[in-house]
Amino acid sequence: MKKISLFTCIIFVFVSNIVIGQQKAPKMTTDINQKQRQISSIHHFVVFDINQKPFDFSKLKGKKVMIVNTASKCGYTPQYEELQKLYEKYKNKGFVIVGFPANNFRNQEPGTNAEIAEFCKVNYGVTFPIMEKISVKGDDMHPIYQYLTQKSKNGVEDSEVAWNFQKYLINKNGILEKVFKTKVSPLDSEIIQWIEK
């Protein structure tokens, strides 16, 4: 009787090992993680600049980026001058500013793309990239601002564009890191530290 029980145990262990050995390892989630990283990167966007030429964000890989919605007739319009100073100081150090004119707040950017380009050049000597006029909120919100304001798209946080000259800071990997409200100067020490670190 003992021999039969021992034999049965050996057979059970042997068969169990075969079954276990045939089981497939669970599928890794690298595909999901990779997809999430792609969703969370701004580098997959191609937009149009103020002259209607394609602007490919993938060319900004490895650079820190500030995205800011601008307006020509706003109380904060003089921030153009500070933005230009910031850009001139750090443009050769892996930093770029991308401006998106928008007319979402009290009709403070009523001009055409050509008029906006002329205004920026004549009044503030802007040389950082300015895109075509878009909408940064509402039903017609541009896809890049959907990305910036929705955690489901940027993987970081939800936000709302509250006024002109709100600033979004994007790291070298194209991932959203910080959001600064309108009142924060482009030359604020926290922004400078972020660029320099």
Protein backbone atom coordinates (compact mmCIF):
# COMPACT_ATOMS: atom_id res chain seq x y z
CA MET A 1 0.00 0.00 0.00
CA LYS A 2 2.83 2.36 0.89
CA LYS A 3 4.56 1.55 -2.41
CA ILE A 4 1.41 2.45 -4.38
CA SER A 5 1.01 5.76 -2.49
CA LEU A 6 4.67 6.64 -3.05
CA PHE A 7 4.37 5.76 -6.74
CA THR A 8 1.22 7.88 -7.04
CA CYS A 9 2.96 10.87 -5.42
CA ILE A 10 5.94 10.58 -7.76
CA ILE A 11 3.65 10.43 -10.81
CA PHE A 12 1.68 13.47 -9.54
CA VAL A 13 4.82 15.55 -9.03
CA PHE A 14 6.19 14.53 -12.43
CA VAL A 15 2.96 15.41 -14.26
CA SER A 16 2.61 18.67 -12.32
CA ASN A 17 6.12 19.78 -13.35
CA ILE A 18 5.32 19.06 -17.00
CA VAL A 19 2.11 21.09 -16.84
CA ILE A 20 3.78 23.98 -15.06
CA GLY A 21 6.64 23.93 -17.54
CA GLN A 22 4.21 24.19 -20.42
CA GLN A 23 2.45 27.26 -19.03
CA LYS A 24 3.34 30.49 -20.82
CA ALA A 25 4.79 33.37 -18.84
CA PRO A 26 2.37 36.28 -18.48
CA LYS A 27 2.72 38.84 -21.30
CA MET A 28 4.85 41.81 -20.35
CA THR A 29 3.24 45.25 -20.24
CA THR A 30 6.07 46.94 -22.15
CA ASP A 31 3.77 47.55 -25.13
CA ILE A 32 1.29 49.36 -22.87
CA ASN A 33 4.04 51.37 -21.18
CA GLN A 34 5.53 52.29 -24.53
CA LYS A 35 2.15 53.41 -25.83
CA GLN A 36 1.62 55.53 -22.70
CA ARG A 37 5.01 57.19 -23.20
CA GLN A 38 4.05 58.00 -26.79
CA ILE A 39 0.74 59.48 -25.68
CA SER A 40 2.48 61.51 -22.98
CA SER A 41 5.04 63.08 -25.34
CA ILE A 42 4.47 66.33 -27.15
CA HIS A 43 6.94 65.25 -29.82
CA HIS A 44 4.27 63.58 -31.97
CA PHE A 45 2.58 66.92 -32.78
CA VAL A 46 2.98 68.75 -36.07
CA VAL A 47 1.35 72.19 -36.15
CA PHE A 48 1.49 75.22 -38.45
CA ASP A 49 3.53 78.30 -37.69
CA ILE A 50 2.44 81.90 -38.21
CA ASN A 51 3.53 81.66 -41.87
CA GLN A 52 1.50 78.47 -42.43
CA LYS A 53 4.59 76.26 -42.56
CA PRO A 54 4.63 72.89 -40.73
CA PHE A 55 6.32 72.97 -37.33
CA ASP A 56 7.34 69.49 -36.17
CA PHE A 57 7.71 69.13 -32.40
CA SER A 58 9.83 66.00 -32.88
CA LYS A 59 12.65 68.38 -33.88
CA LEU A 60 12.61 69.66 -30.28
CA LYS A 61 13.64 66.31 -28.79
CA GLY A 62 16.37 66.90 -26.23
CA LYS A 63 15.29 70.51 -25.61
CA LYS A 64 13.26 72.06 -22.83
CA VAL A 65 10.20 73.88 -24.14
CA MET A 66 7.92 76.62 -22.86
CA ILE A 67 4.54 76.79 -24.58
CA VAL A 68 2.60 80.00 -24.02
CA ASN A 69 -0.69 81.34 -25.37
CA THR A 70 -0.25 84.96 -26.42
CA ALA A 71 -2.35 88.01 -27.26
CA SER A 72 -1.57 91.45 -28.70
CA LYS A 73 -4.13 93.53 -26.79
CA CYS A 74 -3.83 92.14 -23.27
CA GLY A 75 -2.61 93.80 -20.11
CA TYR A 76 0.06 91.07 -20.03
CA THR A 77 1.19 91.63 -23.63
CA PRO A 78 4.46 93.22 -22.39
CA GLN A 79 5.45 89.71 -21.31
CA TYR A 80 6.49 89.32 -24.96
CA GLU A 81 9.56 91.37 -24.03
CA GLU A 82 10.41 89.09 -21.10
CA LEU A 83 9.81 85.99 -23.22
CA GLN A 84 12.20 87.31 -25.85
CA LYS A 85 14.87 88.04 -23.22
CA LEU A 86 14.50 84.54 -21.83
CA TYR A 87 14.72 83.02 -25.29
CA GLU A 88 17.83 85.01 -26.23
CA LYS A 89 19.59 83.97 -23.05
CA TYR A 90 18.89 80.23 -23.31
CA LYS A 91 18.20 79.47 -26.98
CA ASN A 92 21.72 78.10 -27.44
CA LYS A 93 21.47 76.08 -24.23
CA GLY A 94 18.75 73.63 -25.20
CA PHE A 95 15.69 75.81 -24.57
CA VAL A 96 12.95 77.08 -26.87
CA ILE A 97 9.74 79.07 -26.48
CA VAL A 98 6.73 78.33 -28.69
CA GLY A 99 3.99 80.95 -28.78
CA PHE A 100 0.38 80.22 -29.72
CA PRO A 101 -1.68 83.37 -30.34
CA ALA A 102 -5.28 82.87 -29.24
CA ASN A 103 -8.40 85.01 -29.16
CA ASN A 104 -10.21 83.19 -26.35
CA PHE A 105 -10.20 86.00 -23.81
CA ARG A 106 -12.21 89.17 -24.42
CA ASN A 107 -11.20 89.47 -28.07
CA GLN A 108 -7.63 90.38 -27.11
CA GLU A 109 -6.08 88.75 -30.19
CA PRO A 110 -8.34 89.86 -33.06
CA GLY A 111 -5.66 90.13 -35.74
CA THR A 112 -4.82 87.87 -38.66
CA ASN A 113 -1.70 85.73 -38.63
CA ALA A 114 0.10 88.32 -40.75
CA GLU A 115 -0.93 91.15 -38.41
CA ILE A 116 0.18 89.18 -35.35
CA ALA A 117 3.55 88.39 -36.91
CA GLU A 118 4.10 92.05 -37.75
CA PHE A 119 3.04 93.16 -34.26
CA CYS A 120 5.44 90.74 -32.56
CA LYS A 121 8.36 91.75 -34.78
CA VAL A 122 7.86 95.51 -34.70
CA ASN A 123 6.93 95.94 -31.04
CA TYR A 124 9.00 93.27 -29.30
CA GLY A 125 11.53 91.95 -31.80
CA VAL A 126 10.24 88.41 -31.27
CA THR A 127 12.45 85.73 -32.79
CA PHE A 128 11.16 82.64 -30.95
CA PRO A 129 8.72 80.46 -32.93
CA ILE A 130 5.17 81.80 -33.16
CA MET A 131 2.46 79.47 -34.43
CA GLU A 132 -0.77 80.26 -36.29
CA LYS A 133 -3.66 81.60 -34.23
CA ILE A 134 -5.61 78.81 -32.53
CA SER A 135 -8.18 78.24 -29.80
CA VAL A 136 -6.87 77.16 -26.39
CA LYS A 137 -10.21 76.32 -24.76
CA GLY A 138 -13.80 75.43 -25.56
CA ASP A 139 -15.28 73.11 -28.18
CA ASP A 140 -12.75 74.14 -30.83
CA MET A 141 -9.69 73.72 -28.58
CA HIS A 142 -6.61 72.85 -30.64
CA PRO A 143 -5.33 69.26 -30.16
CA ILE A 144 -2.04 70.47 -28.67
CA TYR A 145 -3.95 72.29 -25.94
CA GLN A 146 -6.12 69.26 -25.39
CA TYR A 147 -2.85 67.46 -24.70
CA LEU A 148 -1.56 70.21 -22.39
CA THR A 149 -4.76 70.47 -20.34
CA GLN A 150 -5.94 66.85 -20.07
CA LYS A 151 -4.26 64.28 -17.85
CA SER A 152 -5.70 61.48 -19.99
CA LYS A 153 -3.53 62.81 -22.84
CA ASN A 154 -0.43 64.24 -21.12
CA GLY A 155 -0.22 61.64 -18.36
CA VAL A 156 0.60 64.26 -15.72
CA GLU A 157 -2.23 66.60 -14.74
CA ASP A 158 -5.45 68.33 -15.72
CA SER A 159 -5.41 72.11 -16.05
CA GLU A 160 -7.37 74.91 -17.63
CA VAL A 161 -6.07 77.88 -19.57
CA ALA A 162 -7.37 80.71 -17.42
CA TRP A 163 -6.01 83.70 -19.39
CA ASN A 164 -3.45 84.82 -21.93
CA PHE A 165 0.24 84.07 -21.30
CA GLN A 166 -0.23 80.88 -19.29
CA LYS A 167 2.98 78.87 -19.43
CA TYR A 168 3.47 75.13 -19.89
CA LEU A 169 6.96 73.73 -19.33
CA ILE A 170 7.91 70.58 -21.22
CA ASN A 171 11.04 68.58 -20.40
CA LYS A 172 13.65 67.21 -22.83
CA ASN A 173 11.64 64.02 -23.31
CA GLY A 174 8.55 65.94 -24.38
CA ILE A 175 6.72 65.40 -21.09
CA LEU A 176 4.73 68.12 -19.32
CA GLU A 177 6.37 69.10 -16.02
CA LYS A 178 5.04 72.44 -14.79
CA VAL A 179 2.24 74.92 -15.40
CA PHE A 180 2.53 78.62 -14.51
CA LYS A 181 -0.36 81.04 -14.47
CA THR A 182 -0.44 84.32 -16.37
CA LYS A 183 0.84 86.52 -13.53
CA VAL A 184 4.11 84.58 -13.23
CA SER A 185 6.82 86.40 -15.15
CA PRO A 186 8.73 84.42 -17.77
CA LEU A 187 11.83 85.56 -15.88
CA ASP A 188 10.61 84.15 -12.55
CA SER A 189 13.37 82.45 -10.56
CA GLU A 190 11.53 79.11 -10.52
CA ILE A 191 11.36 79.09 -14.32
CA ILE A 192 15.05 80.03 -14.58
CA GLN A 193 15.99 77.23 -12.17
CA TRP A 194 13.95 74.75 -14.20
CA ILE A 195 15.74 75.73 -17.40
CA GLU A 196 19.19 75.61 -15.83
CA LYS A 197 18.89 72.37 -13.85
